[in-house]
Structure formats: structure tokens, C-alpha cells
Amino acid sequence: MYKYKASKDTGSKSWVIQRITGLALVVLMIGHYILMHYHPDSGHTYQAVLARMQFSWYRIIDLTFIVLGMYHGLNGIWNIFRDYKLKPWMKLSILSALIIFGIAFTAWGFNIVFSIPYVN
């Protein structure tokens, strides 16, 4: 008789987090679009960005965008690779490359946001 063997590698948690991050990114994107295209003071000059980034709230939004976007995108790429029967060493190589890429570009994004000076 067939007995179900539960697997920790089903990807269900990843699937749920993918949907949550996607929804959060849509909400952030709509807010970003309204702020950048319909707000009268939303210039795209260095001075306008510097003035906007004096509020910690904008920095938090940008950092949230970076983290959610990076997770959502790289998790989506990983899920594409999971659809194929890969050898264990290939899975490990691809996952390692995605993690290294994600950490590097997330750190780069954080560095950019934190390098914007606070002007009194």
C-alpha cells in the first residue's frame, strides 16, 4: 500500500513567501509610481532625491524594495531551476551562485542608500 512520505523540500513555504513578497512589491510599486509621477514636488534631480532621502521613511521604503525585490526575483529564478531534474552538484552550484549574487547586490543597494548624506 502507498504511504505518503512528507518532504521538507516541497517548496510550500517558498511559494507562500513568493506570493506575499509579490503583493508587497505591487503595493510599494503603486506608491512609488504615485509619488514619482503624480506628486508635484517629485523631481528627479539630485537635489530632489537628496531632499526626499532626508526622511528616514523613504530610506526604509527603499531598503524594503531592495530586500523584497531581490528575494522575489531570485526565488523565482530558483523555482524555475527546481522544475528540472538537476544533479545535486548542479542544484548546489546554482543555489550558491544565486545566494552570492543576492547578498552582493543587496549589500550594494544598502551601501547606496546609506551613502546618501543627511543634510541639516
PDB file of N, CA and C in Angstrom:
ATOM      1  N   MET A   1       0.836  -1.175   0.000  1.00  0.00           N
ATOM      2  CA  MET A   1       0.000   0.000   0.000  1.00  0.00           C
ATOM      3  C   MET A   1       0.887   1.247   0.000  1.00  0.00           C
ATOM      4  N   TYR A   2       0.430   2.277  -0.682  1.00  0.00           N
ATOM      5  CA  TYR A   2       1.199   3.516  -0.786  1.00  0.00           C
ATOM      6  C   TYR A   2       1.075   4.294   0.509  1.00  0.00           C
ATOM      7  N   LYS A   3       2.199   4.755   1.003  1.00  0.00           N
ATOM      8  CA  LYS A   3       2.219   5.591   2.196  1.00  0.00           C
ATOM      9  C   LYS A   3       2.878   6.918   1.836  1.00  0.00           C
ATOM     10  N   TYR A   4       2.182   8.008   2.160  1.00  0.00           N
ATOM     11  CA  TYR A   4       2.714   9.331   1.857  1.00  0.00           C
ATOM     12  C   TYR A   4       3.934   9.605   2.721  1.00  0.00           C
ATOM     13  N   LYS A   5       4.983  10.049   2.078  1.00  0.00           N
ATOM     14  CA  LYS A   5       6.201  10.442   2.789  1.00  0.00           C
ATOM     15  C   LYS A   5       6.348  11.948   2.647  1.00  0.00           C
ATOM     16  N   ALA A   6       6.173  12.613   3.743  1.00  0.00           N
ATOM     17  CA  ALA A   6       6.282  14.076   3.716  1.00  0.00           C
ATOM     18  C   ALA A   6       7.709  14.476   3.384  1.00  0.00           C
ATOM     19  N   SER A   7       7.824  15.549   2.681  1.00  0.00           N
ATOM     20  CA  SER A   7       9.137  16.045   2.296  1.00  0.00           C
ATOM     21  C   SER A   7       9.301  17.478   2.773  1.00  0.00           C
ATOM     22  N   LYS A   8      10.470  17.787   3.238  1.00  0.00           N
ATOM     23  CA  LYS A   8      10.757  19.167   3.633  1.00  0.00           C
ATOM     24  C   LYS A   8      11.123  20.007   2.419  1.00  0.00           C
ATOM     25  N   ASP A   9      11.264  19.378   1.267  1.00  0.00           N
ATOM     26  CA  ASP A   9      11.692  20.073   0.060  1.00  0.00           C
ATOM     27  C   ASP A   9      10.522  20.316  -0.895  1.00  0.00           C
ATOM     28  N   THR A  10       9.311  20.481  -0.350  1.00  0.00           N
ATOM     29  CA  THR A  10       8.161  20.702  -1.223  1.00  0.00           C
ATOM     30  C   THR A  10       8.139  22.111  -1.789  1.00  0.00           C
ATOM     31  N   GLY A  11       8.729  23.055  -1.091  1.00  0.00           N
ATOM     32  CA  GLY A  11       8.746  24.431  -1.562  1.00  0.00           C
ATOM     33  C   GLY A  11       7.502  25.213  -1.200  1.00  0.00           C
ATOM     34  N   SER A  12       6.663  24.675  -0.326  1.00  0.00           N
ATOM     35  CA  SER A  12       5.407  25.358   0.002  1.00  0.00           C
ATOM     36  C   SER A  12       5.652  26.672   0.744  1.00  0.00           C
ATOM     37  N   LYS A  13       6.615  26.692   1.651  1.00  0.00           N
ATOM     38  CA  LYS A  13       6.925  27.946   2.346  1.00  0.00           C
ATOM     39  C   LYS A  13       7.451  28.979   1.364  1.00  0.00           C
ATOM     40  N   SER A  14       8.292  28.537   0.465  1.00  0.00           N
ATOM     41  CA  SER A  14       8.837  29.418  -0.556  1.00  0.00           C
ATOM     42  C   SER A  14       7.721  29.965  -1.442  1.00  0.00           C
ATOM     43  N   TRP A  15       6.744  29.127  -1.767  1.00  0.00           N
ATOM     44  CA  TRP A  15       5.617  29.535  -2.605  1.00  0.00           C
ATOM     45  C   TRP A  15       4.810  30.619  -1.914  1.00  0.00           C
ATOM     46  N   VAL A  16       4.526  30.433  -0.622  1.00  0.00           N
ATOM     47  CA  VAL A  16       3.742  31.410   0.133  1.00  0.00           C
ATOM     48  C   VAL A  16       4.500  32.732   0.245  1.00  0.00           C
ATOM     49  N   ILE A  17       5.788  32.665   0.575  1.00  0.00           N
ATOM     50  CA  ILE A  17       6.583  33.890   0.699  1.00  0.00           C
ATOM     51  C   ILE A  17       6.686  34.595  -0.649  1.00  0.00           C
ATOM     52  N   GLN A  18       6.742  33.839  -1.736  1.00  0.00           N
ATOM     53  CA  GLN A  18       6.785  34.422  -3.078  1.00  0.00           C
ATOM     54  C   GLN A  18       5.521  35.243  -3.331  1.00  0.00           C
ATOM     55  N   ARG A  19       4.372  34.724  -2.921  1.00  0.00           N
ATOM     56  CA  ARG A  19       3.106  35.445  -3.118  1.00  0.00           C
ATOM     57  C   ARG A  19       3.038  36.680  -2.234  1.00  0.00           C
ATOM     58  N   ILE A  20       3.497  36.570  -0.993  1.00  0.00           N
ATOM     59  CA  ILE A  20       3.470  37.701  -0.067  1.00  0.00           C
ATOM     60  C   ILE A  20       4.390  38.819  -0.557  1.00  0.00           C
ATOM     61  N   THR A  21       5.607  38.459  -0.975  1.00  0.00           N
ATOM     62  CA  THR A  21       6.528  39.484  -1.464  1.00  0.00           C
ATOM     63  C   THR A  21       6.017  40.105  -2.758  1.00  0.00           C
ATOM     64  N   GLY A  22       5.376  39.313  -3.596  1.00  0.00           N
ATOM     65  CA  GLY A  22       4.804  39.857  -4.830  1.00  0.00           C
ATOM     66  C   GLY A  22       3.727  40.884  -4.537  1.00  0.00           C
ATOM     67  N   LEU A  23       2.853  40.575  -3.591  1.00  0.00           N
ATOM     68  CA  LEU A  23       1.798  41.510  -3.207  1.00  0.00           C
ATOM     69  C   LEU A  23       2.396  42.775  -2.591  1.00  0.00           C
ATOM     70  N   ALA A  24       3.382  42.615  -1.722  1.00  0.00           N
ATOM     71  CA  ALA A  24       4.030  43.779  -1.104  1.00  0.00           C
ATOM     72  C   ALA A  24       4.722  44.636  -2.166  1.00  0.00           C
ATOM     73  N   LEU A  25       5.350  44.007  -3.141  1.00  0.00           N
ATOM     74  CA  LEU A  25       6.017  44.762  -4.204  1.00  0.00           C
ATOM     75  C   LEU A  25       5.012  45.532  -5.056  1.00  0.00           C
ATOM     76  N   VAL A  26       3.844  44.960  -5.299  1.00  0.00           N
ATOM     77  CA  VAL A  26       2.814  45.681  -6.062  1.00  0.00           C
ATOM     78  C   VAL A  26       2.366  46.918  -5.293  1.00  0.00           C
ATOM     79  N   VAL A  27       2.134  46.775  -3.989  1.00  0.00           N
ATOM     80  CA  VAL A  27       1.725  47.924  -3.170  1.00  0.00           C
ATOM     81  C   VAL A  27       2.820  48.987  -3.165  1.00  0.00           C
ATOM     82  N   LEU A  28       4.075  48.583  -2.949  1.00  0.00           N
ATOM     83  CA  LEU A  28       5.183  49.541  -2.958  1.00  0.00           C
ATOM     84  C   LEU A  28       5.341  50.199  -4.321  1.00  0.00           C
ATOM     85  N   MET A  29       5.155  49.419  -5.381  1.00  0.00           N
ATOM     86  CA  MET A  29       5.302  49.963  -6.725  1.00  0.00           C
ATOM     87  C   MET A  29       4.238  51.014  -7.021  1.00  0.00           C
ATOM     88  N   ILE A  30       3.003  50.763  -6.594  1.00  0.00           N
ATOM     89  CA  ILE A  30       1.941  51.741  -6.805  1.00  0.00           C
ATOM     90  C   ILE A  30       2.250  53.023  -6.034  1.00  0.00           C
ATOM     91  N   GLY A  31       2.686  52.882  -4.785  1.00  0.00           N
ATOM     92  CA  GLY A  31       3.075  54.058  -4.005  1.00  0.00           C
ATOM     93  C   GLY A  31       4.224  54.805  -4.639  1.00  0.00           C
ATOM     94  N   HIS A  32       5.205  54.085  -5.125  1.00  0.00           N
ATOM     95  CA  HIS A  32       6.355  54.702  -5.794  1.00  0.00           C
ATOM     96  C   HIS A  32       5.910  55.444  -7.054  1.00  0.00           C
ATOM     97  N   TYR A  33       5.048  54.829  -7.829  1.00  0.00           N
ATOM     98  CA  TYR A  33       4.577  55.440  -9.068  1.00  0.00           C
ATOM     99  C   TYR A  33       3.819  56.726  -8.786  1.00  0.00           C
ATOM    100  N   ILE A  34       2.930  56.679  -7.782  1.00  0.00           N
ATOM    101  CA  ILE A  34       2.176  57.882  -7.427  1.00  0.00           C
ATOM    102  C   ILE A  34       3.119  58.976  -6.932  1.00  0.00           C
ATOM    103  N   LEU A  35       4.054  58.617  -6.069  1.00  0.00           N
ATOM    104  CA  LEU A  35       4.995  59.596  -5.523  1.00  0.00           C
ATOM    105  C   LEU A  35       5.860  60.211  -6.621  1.00  0.00           C
ATOM    106  N   MET A  36       6.364  59.393  -7.515  1.00  0.00           N
ATOM    107  CA  MET A  36       7.318  59.884  -8.503  1.00  0.00           C
ATOM    108  C   MET A  36       6.671  60.541  -9.719  1.00  0.00           C
ATOM    109  N   HIS A  37       5.405  60.248 -10.012  1.00  0.00           N
ATOM    110  CA  HIS A  37       4.817  60.769 -11.245  1.00  0.00           C
ATOM    111  C   HIS A  37       3.614  61.673 -11.038  1.00  0.00           C
ATOM    112  N   TYR A  38       3.016  61.643  -9.861  1.00  0.00           N
ATOM    113  CA  TYR A  38       1.842  62.472  -9.640  1.00  0.00           C
ATOM    114  C   TYR A  38       1.994  63.466  -8.503  1.00  0.00           C
ATOM    115  N   HIS A  39       3.081  63.407  -7.807  1.00  0.00           N
ATOM    116  CA  HIS A  39       3.333  64.350  -6.717  1.00  0.00           C
ATOM    117  C   HIS A  39       4.001  65.586  -7.320  1.00  0.00           C
ATOM    118  N   PRO A  40       3.514  66.788  -7.000  1.00  0.00           N
ATOM    119  CA  PRO A  40       4.067  67.985  -7.655  1.00  0.00           C
ATOM    120  C   PRO A  40       5.537  68.262  -7.338  1.00  0.00           C
ATOM    121  N   ASP A  41       6.019  67.810  -6.195  1.00  0.00           N
ATOM    122  CA  ASP A  41       7.402  68.089  -5.819  1.00  0.00           C
ATOM    123  C   ASP A  41       8.349  66.940  -6.134  1.00  0.00           C
ATOM    124  N   SER A  42       7.940  66.041  -6.998  1.00  0.00           N
ATOM    125  CA  SER A  42       8.757  64.851  -7.223  1.00  0.00           C
ATOM    126  C   SER A  42       9.692  65.031  -8.410  1.00  0.00           C
ATOM    127  N   GLY A  43      10.710  65.791  -8.202  1.00  0.00           N
ATOM    128  CA  GLY A  43      11.711  65.954  -9.249  1.00  0.00           C
ATOM    129  C   GLY A  43      12.649  64.765  -9.271  1.00  0.00           C
ATOM    130  N   HIS A  44      13.326  64.614 -10.353  1.00  0.00           N
ATOM    131  CA  HIS A  44      14.276  63.509 -10.483  1.00  0.00           C
ATOM    132  C   HIS A  44      15.712  64.009 -10.475  1.00  0.00           C
ATOM    133  N   THR A  45      15.898  65.183  -9.930  1.00  0.00           N
ATOM    134  CA  THR A  45      17.243  65.730  -9.848  1.00  0.00           C
ATOM    135  C   THR A  45      17.915  65.229  -8.575  1.00  0.00           C
ATOM    136  N   TYR A  46      19.210  65.430  -8.504  1.00  0.00           N
ATOM    137  CA  TYR A  46      19.955  65.011  -7.315  1.00  0.00           C
ATOM    138  C   TYR A  46      19.434  65.739  -6.078  1.00  0.00           C
ATOM    139  N   GLN A  47      19.143  67.017  -6.226  1.00  0.00           N
ATOM    140  CA  GLN A  47      18.662  67.800  -5.085  1.00  0.00           C
ATOM    141  C   GLN A  47      17.310  67.285  -4.590  1.00  0.00           C
ATOM    142  N   ALA A  48      16.436  66.906  -5.509  1.00  0.00           N
ATOM    143  CA  ALA A  48      15.122  66.394  -5.119  1.00  0.00           C
ATOM    144  C   ALA A  48      15.257  65.056  -4.400  1.00  0.00           C
ATOM    145  N   VAL A  49      16.121  64.199  -4.909  1.00  0.00           N
ATOM    146  CA  VAL A  49      16.335  62.903  -4.255  1.00  0.00           C
ATOM    147  C   VAL A  49      16.977  63.109  -2.893  1.00  0.00           C
ATOM    148  N   LEU A  50      17.951  63.984  -2.808  1.00  0.00           N
ATOM    149  CA  LEU A  50      18.610  64.273  -1.535  1.00  0.00           C
ATOM    150  C   LEU A  50      17.611  64.831  -0.517  1.00  0.00           C
ATOM    151  N   ALA A  51      16.740  65.712  -0.955  1.00  0.00           N
ATOM    152  CA  ALA A  51      15.728  66.279  -0.052  1.00  0.00           C
ATOM    153  C   ALA A  51      14.769  65.192   0.417  1.00  0.00           C
ATOM    154  N   ARG A  52      14.371  64.314  -0.481  1.00  0.00           N
ATOM    155  CA  ARG A  52      13.442  63.238  -0.130  1.00  0.00           C
ATOM    156  C   ARG A  52      14.089  62.247   0.825  1.00  0.00           C
ATOM    157  N   MET A  53      15.364  61.987   0.640  1.00  0.00           N
ATOM    158  CA  MET A  53      16.048  60.987   1.455  1.00  0.00           C
ATOM    159  C   MET A  53      16.436  61.511   2.838  1.00  0.00           C
ATOM    160  N   GLN A  54      16.079  62.748   3.147  1.00  0.00           N
ATOM    161  CA  GLN A  54      16.318  63.264   4.490  1.00  0.00           C
ATOM    162  C   GLN A  54      15.326  62.665   5.486  1.00  0.00           C
ATOM    163  N   PHE A  55      14.255  62.089   4.968  1.00  0.00           N
ATOM    164  CA  PHE A  55      13.265  61.424   5.811  1.00  0.00           C
ATOM    165  C   PHE A  55      13.586  59.934   5.872  1.00  0.00           C
ATOM    166  N   SER A  56      13.734  59.432   7.057  1.00  0.00           N
ATOM    167  CA  SER A  56      14.087  58.015   7.227  1.00  0.00           C
ATOM    168  C   SER A  56      13.042  57.092   6.608  1.00  0.00           C
ATOM    169  N   TRP A  57      11.803  57.540   6.548  1.00  0.00           N
ATOM    170  CA  TRP A  57      10.736  56.719   5.986  1.00  0.00           C
ATOM    171  C   TRP A  57      11.053  56.333   4.531  1.00  0.00           C
ATOM    172  N   TYR A  58      11.579  57.263   3.742  1.00  0.00           N
ATOM    173  CA  TYR A  58      11.923  56.959   2.350  1.00  0.00           C
ATOM    174  C   TYR A  58      13.069  55.951   2.274  1.00  0.00           C
ATOM    175  N   ARG A  59      13.999  56.062   3.175  1.00  0.00           N
ATOM    176  CA  ARG A  59      15.101  55.093   3.202  1.00  0.00           C
ATOM    177  C   ARG A  59      14.582  53.706   3.546  1.00  0.00           C
ATOM    178  N   ILE A  60      13.669  53.644   4.494  1.00  0.00           N
ATOM    179  CA  ILE A  60      13.088  52.349   4.865  1.00  0.00           C
ATOM    180  C   ILE A  60      12.335  51.751   3.684  1.00  0.00           C
ATOM    181  N   ILE A  61      11.593  52.575   2.960  1.00  0.00           N
ATOM    182  CA  ILE A  61      10.866  52.088   1.783  1.00  0.00           C
ATOM    183  C   ILE A  61      11.845  51.566   0.736  1.00  0.00           C
ATOM    184  N   ASP A  62      12.917  52.298   0.486  1.00  0.00           N
ATOM    185  CA  ASP A  62      13.910  51.858  -0.495  1.00  0.00           C
ATOM    186  C   ASP A  62      14.580  50.553  -0.070  1.00  0.00           C
ATOM    187  N   LEU A  63      14.938  50.444   1.193  1.00  0.00           N
ATOM    188  CA  LEU A  63      15.563  49.212   1.682  1.00  0.00           C
ATOM    189  C   LEU A  63      14.590  48.035   1.599  1.00  0.00           C
ATOM    190  N   THR A  64      13.322  48.303   1.886  1.00  0.00           N
ATOM    191  CA  THR A  64      12.300  47.255   1.760  1.00  0.00           C
ATOM    192  C   THR A  64      12.167  46.814   0.311  1.00  0.00           C
ATOM    193  N   PHE A  65      12.163  47.781  -0.602  1.00  0.00           N
ATOM    194  CA  PHE A  65      12.128  47.470  -2.031  1.00  0.00           C
ATOM    195  C   PHE A  65      13.301  46.565  -2.419  1.00  0.00           C
ATOM    196  N   ILE A  66      14.477  46.896  -1.951  1.00  0.00           N
ATOM    197  CA  ILE A  66      15.673  46.125  -2.294  1.00  0.00           C
ATOM    198  C   ILE A  66      15.556  44.686  -1.790  1.00  0.00           C
ATOM    199  N   VAL A  67      15.211  44.530  -0.527  1.00  0.00           N
ATOM    200  CA  VAL A  67      15.157  43.187   0.065  1.00  0.00           C
ATOM    201  C   VAL A  67      14.047  42.350  -0.571  1.00  0.00           C
ATOM    202  N   LEU A  68      12.841  42.923  -0.656  1.00  0.00           N
ATOM    203  CA  LEU A  68      11.723  42.161  -1.223  1.00  0.00           C
ATOM    204  C   LEU A  68      11.945  41.852  -2.699  1.00  0.00           C
ATOM    205  N   GLY A  69      12.421  42.830  -3.438  1.00  0.00           N
ATOM    206  CA  GLY A  69      12.655  42.612  -4.865  1.00  0.00           C
ATOM    207  C   GLY A  69      13.721  41.569  -5.126  1.00  0.00           C
ATOM    208  N   MET A  70      14.798  41.615  -4.344  1.00  0.00           N
ATOM    209  CA  MET A  70      15.875  40.650  -4.537  1.00  0.00           C
ATOM    210  C   MET A  70      15.398  39.245  -4.177  1.00  0.00           C
ATOM    211  N   TYR A  71      14.698  39.117  -3.049  1.00  0.00           N
ATOM    212  CA  TYR A  71      14.195  37.796  -2.672  1.00  0.00           C
ATOM    213  C   TYR A  71      13.210  37.281  -3.714  1.00  0.00           C
ATOM    214  N   HIS A  72      12.268  38.124  -4.108  1.00  0.00           N
ATOM    215  CA  HIS A  72      11.228  37.707  -5.043  1.00  0.00           C
ATOM    216  C   HIS A  72      11.829  37.272  -6.388  1.00  0.00           C
ATOM    217  N   GLY A  73      12.748  38.061  -6.891  1.00  0.00           N
ATOM    218  CA  GLY A  73      13.352  37.740  -8.188  1.00  0.00           C
ATOM    219  C   GLY A  73      14.219  36.497  -8.160  1.00  0.00           C
ATOM    220  N   LEU A  74      15.090  36.406  -7.160  1.00  0.00           N
ATOM    221  CA  LEU A  74      15.997  35.253  -7.108  1.00  0.00           C
ATOM    222  C   LEU A  74      15.258  33.977  -6.725  1.00  0.00           C
ATOM    223  N   ASN A  75      14.240  34.093  -5.886  1.00  0.00           N
ATOM    224  CA  ASN A  75      13.428  32.922  -5.560  1.00  0.00           C
ATOM    225  C   ASN A  75      12.672  32.441  -6.795  1.00  0.00           C
ATOM    226  N   GLY A  76      12.210  33.362  -7.614  1.00  0.00           N
ATOM    227  CA  GLY A  76      11.552  32.988  -8.860  1.00  0.00           C
ATOM    228  C   GLY A  76      12.496  32.255  -9.801  1.00  0.00           C
ATOM    229  N   ILE A  77      13.729  32.731  -9.901  1.00  0.00           N
ATOM    230  CA  ILE A  77      14.721  32.051 -10.733  1.00  0.00           C
ATOM    231  C   ILE A  77      15.006  30.659 -10.184  1.00  0.00           C
ATOM    232  N   TRP A  78      15.147  30.560  -8.861  1.00  0.00           N
ATOM    233  CA  TRP A  78      15.411  29.256  -8.247  1.00  0.00           C
ATOM    234  C   TRP A  78      14.251  28.301  -8.498  1.00  0.00           C
ATOM    235  N   ASN A  79      13.015  28.790  -8.450  1.00  0.00           N
ATOM    236  CA  ASN A  79      11.862  27.926  -8.696  1.00  0.00           C
ATOM    237  C   ASN A  79      11.824  27.435 -10.133  1.00  0.00           C
ATOM    238  N   ILE A  80      12.320  28.226 -11.058  1.00  0.00           N
ATOM    239  CA  ILE A  80      12.426  27.755 -12.439  1.00  0.00           C
ATOM    240  C   ILE A  80      13.407  26.589 -12.511  1.00  0.00           C
ATOM    241  N   PHE A  81      14.556  26.722 -11.854  1.00  0.00           N
ATOM    242  CA  PHE A  81      15.541  25.640 -11.868  1.00  0.00           C
ATOM    243  C   PHE A  81      15.035  24.405 -11.137  1.00  0.00           C
ATOM    244  N   ARG A  82      14.194  24.592 -10.123  1.00  0.00           N
ATOM    245  CA  ARG A  82      13.664  23.444  -9.379  1.00  0.00           C
ATOM    246  C   ARG A  82      12.752  22.586 -10.236  1.00  0.00           C
ATOM    247  N   ASP A  83      12.216  23.143 -11.321  1.00  0.00           N
ATOM    248  CA  ASP A  83      11.336  22.375 -12.203  1.00  0.00           C
ATOM    249  C   ASP A  83      12.092  21.312 -12.990  1.00  0.00           C
ATOM    250  N   TYR A  84      13.390  21.421 -13.064  1.00  0.00           N
ATOM    251  CA  TYR A  84      14.192  20.475 -13.831  1.00  0.00           C
ATOM    252  C   TYR A  84      14.870  19.485 -12.898  1.00  0.00           C
ATOM    253  N   LYS A  85      15.079  18.307 -13.411  1.00  0.00           N
ATOM    254  CA  LYS A  85      15.790  17.301 -12.624  1.00  0.00           C
ATOM    255  C   LYS A  85      17.284  17.559 -12.766  1.00  0.00           C
ATOM    256  N   LEU A  86      17.813  18.238 -11.792  1.00  0.00           N
ATOM    257  CA  LEU A  86      19.232  18.564 -11.808  1.00  0.00           C
ATOM    258  C   LEU A  86      19.980  17.635 -10.870  1.00  0.00           C
ATOM    259  N   LYS A  87      21.216  17.441 -11.184  1.00  0.00           N
ATOM    260  CA  LYS A  87      22.067  16.655 -10.291  1.00  0.00           C
ATOM    261  C   LYS A  87      22.304  17.470  -9.021  1.00  0.00           C
ATOM    262  N   PRO A  88      22.566  16.799  -7.901  1.00  0.00           N
ATOM    263  CA  PRO A  88      22.764  17.536  -6.641  1.00  0.00           C
ATOM    264  C   PRO A  88      23.852  18.608  -6.724  1.00  0.00           C
ATOM    265  N   TRP A  89      24.953  18.330  -7.417  1.00  0.00           N
ATOM    266  CA  TRP A  89      26.018  19.319  -7.504  1.00  0.00           C
ATOM    267  C   TRP A  89      25.581  20.531  -8.321  1.00  0.00           C
ATOM    268  N   MET A  90      24.695  20.308  -9.312  1.00  0.00           N
ATOM    269  CA  MET A  90      24.192  21.430 -10.105  1.00  0.00           C
ATOM    270  C   MET A  90      23.252  22.298  -9.261  1.00  0.00           C
ATOM    271  N   LYS A  91      22.376  21.649  -8.473  1.00  0.00           N
ATOM    272  CA  LYS A  91      21.487  22.393  -7.588  1.00  0.00           C
ATOM    273  C   LYS A  91      22.292  23.242  -6.616  1.00  0.00           C
ATOM    274  N   LEU A  92      23.293  22.634  -6.021  1.00  0.00           N
ATOM    275  CA  LEU A  92      24.129  23.345  -5.057  1.00  0.00           C
ATOM    276  C   LEU A  92      24.862  24.502  -5.719  1.00  0.00           C
ATOM    277  N   SER A  93      25.378  24.299  -6.904  1.00  0.00           N
ATOM    278  CA  SER A  93      26.102  25.356  -7.619  1.00  0.00           C
ATOM    279  C   SER A  93      25.187  26.525  -7.969  1.00  0.00           C
ATOM    280  N   ILE A  94      24.012  26.208  -8.490  1.00  0.00           N
ATOM    281  CA  ILE A  94      23.080  27.259  -8.893  1.00  0.00           C
ATOM    282  C   ILE A  94      22.575  28.018  -7.672  1.00  0.00           C
ATOM    283  N   LEU A  95      22.190  27.284  -6.636  1.00  0.00           N
ATOM    284  CA  LEU A  95      21.692  27.927  -5.426  1.00  0.00           C
ATOM    285  C   LEU A  95      22.778  28.783  -4.778  1.00  0.00           C
ATOM    286  N   SER A  96      23.995  28.285  -4.763  1.00  0.00           N
ATOM    287  CA  SER A  96      25.104  29.065  -4.196  1.00  0.00           C
ATOM    288  C   SER A  96      25.342  30.346  -4.992  1.00  0.00           C
ATOM    289  N   ALA A  97      25.304  30.236  -6.311  1.00  0.00           N
ATOM    290  CA  ALA A  97      25.501  31.420  -7.151  1.00  0.00           C
ATOM    291  C   ALA A  97      24.386  32.440  -6.920  1.00  0.00           C
ATOM    292  N   LEU A  98      23.144  31.966  -6.800  1.00  0.00           N
ATOM    293  CA  LEU A  98      22.027  32.876  -6.552  1.00  0.00           C
ATOM    294  C   LEU A  98      22.152  33.557  -5.190  1.00  0.00           C
ATOM    295  N   ILE A  99      22.565  32.805  -4.186  1.00  0.00           N
ATOM    296  CA  ILE A  99      22.719  33.381  -2.845  1.00  0.00           C
ATOM    297  C   ILE A  99      23.843  34.416  -2.835  1.00  0.00           C
ATOM    298  N   ILE A 100      24.971  34.092  -3.455  1.00  0.00           N
ATOM    299  CA  ILE A 100      26.096  35.033  -3.507  1.00  0.00           C
ATOM    300  C   ILE A 100      25.696  36.294  -4.275  1.00  0.00           C
ATOM    301  N   PHE A 101      25.046  36.103  -5.411  1.00  0.00           N
ATOM    302  CA  PHE A 101      24.554  37.227  -6.215  1.00  0.00           C
ATOM    303  C   PHE A 101      23.597  38.082  -5.389  1.00  0.00           C
ATOM    304  N   GLY A 102      22.657  37.442  -4.697  1.00  0.00           N
ATOM    305  CA  GLY A 102      21.673  38.162  -3.895  1.00  0.00           C
ATOM    306  C   GLY A 102      22.296  38.950  -2.769  1.00  0.00           C
ATOM    307  N   ILE A 103      23.220  38.336  -2.061  1.00  0.00           N
ATOM    308  CA  ILE A 103      23.886  39.028  -0.954  1.00  0.00           C
ATOM    309  C   ILE A 103      24.705  40.207  -1.483  1.00  0.00           C
ATOM    310  N   ALA A 104      25.418  39.988  -2.576  1.00  0.00           N
ATOM    311  CA  ALA A 104      26.271  41.046  -3.130  1.00  0.00           C
ATOM    312  C   ALA A 104      25.440  42.246  -3.588  1.00  0.00           C
ATOM    313  N   PHE A 105      24.376  42.002  -4.336  1.00  0.00           N
ATOM    314  CA  PHE A 105      23.593  43.118  -4.853  1.00  0.00           C
ATOM    315  C   PHE A 105      22.719  43.762  -3.775  1.00  0.00           C
ATOM    316  N   THR A 106      22.290  43.002  -2.788  1.00  0.00           N
ATOM    317  CA  THR A 106      21.574  43.596  -1.661  1.00  0.00           C
ATOM    318  C   THR A 106      22.512  44.500  -0.865  1.00  0.00           C
ATOM    319  N   ALA A 107      23.729  44.039  -0.636  1.00  0.00           N
ATOM    320  CA  ALA A 107      24.721  44.857   0.073  1.00  0.00           C
ATOM    321  C   ALA A 107      25.034  46.121  -0.723  1.00  0.00           C
ATOM    322  N   TRP A 108      25.139  45.991  -2.032  1.00  0.00           N
ATOM    323  CA  TRP A 108      25.389  47.145  -2.884  1.00  0.00           C
ATOM    324  C   TRP A 108      24.244  48.159  -2.775  1.00  0.00           C
ATOM    325  N   GLY A 109      23.011  47.672  -2.804  1.00  0.00           N
ATOM    326  CA  GLY A 109      21.858  48.554  -2.664  1.00  0.00           C
ATOM    327  C   GLY A 109      21.830  49.245  -1.304  1.00  0.00           C
ATOM    328  N   PHE A 110      22.108  48.483  -0.238  1.00  0.00           N
ATOM    329  CA  PHE A 110      22.158  49.078   1.098  1.00  0.00           C
ATOM    330  C   PHE A 110      23.255  50.134   1.172  1.00  0.00           C
ATOM    331  N   ASN A 111      24.397  49.845   0.571  1.00  0.00           N
ATOM    332  CA  ASN A 111      25.510  50.800   0.565  1.00  0.00           C
ATOM    333  C   ASN A 111      25.101  52.107  -0.117  1.00  0.00           C
ATOM    334  N   ILE A 112      24.391  52.013  -1.216  1.00  0.00           N
ATOM    335  CA  ILE A 112      23.945  53.209  -1.926  1.00  0.00           C
ATOM    336  C   ILE A 112      22.983  54.024  -1.069  1.00  0.00           C
ATOM    337  N   VAL A 113      22.000  53.337  -0.463  1.00  0.00           N
ATOM    338  CA  VAL A 113      21.023  54.064   0.357  1.00  0.00           C
ATOM    339  C   VAL A 113      21.694  54.707   1.564  1.00  0.00           C
ATOM    340  N   PHE A 114      22.592  53.982   2.219  1.00  0.00           N
ATOM    341  CA  PHE A 114      23.239  54.519   3.406  1.00  0.00           C
ATOM    342  C   PHE A 114      24.318  55.546   3.077  1.00  0.00           C
ATOM    343  N   SER A 115      24.769  55.608   1.839  1.00  0.00           N
ATOM    344  CA  SER A 115      25.797  56.592   1.481  1.00  0.00           C
ATOM    345  C   SER A 115      25.198  57.962   1.172  1.00  0.00           C
ATOM    346  N   ILE A 116      23.884  58.047   1.062  1.00  0.00           N
ATOM    347  CA  ILE A 116      23.238  59.336   0.820  1.00  0.00           C
ATOM    348  C   ILE A 116      23.300  60.117   2.125  1.00  0.00           C
ATOM    349  N   PRO A 117      23.928  61.291   2.114  1.00  0.00           N
ATOM    350  CA  PRO A 117      24.133  62.013   3.368  1.00  0.00           C
ATOM    351  C   PRO A 117      22.860  62.670   3.891  1.00  0.00           C
ATOM    352  N   TYR A 118      22.813  62.769   5.213  1.00  0.00           N
ATOM    353  CA  TYR A 118      21.771  63.587   5.857  1.00  0.00           C
ATOM    354  C   TYR A 118      22.287  65.023   5.861  1.00  0.00           C
ATOM    355  N   VAL A 119      21.498  65.939   5.364  1.00  0.00           N
ATOM    356  CA  VAL A 119      21.866  67.341   5.328  1.00  0.00           C
ATOM    357  C   VAL A 119      20.988  68.084   6.326  1.00  0.00           C
ATOM    358  N   ASN A 120      21.620  68.836   7.200  1.00  0.00           N
ATOM    359  CA  ASN A 120      20.844  69.575   8.214  1.00  0.00           C
ATOM    360  C   ASN A 120      20.292  70.864   7.671  1.00  0.00           C
TER     361      ASN A 120
END
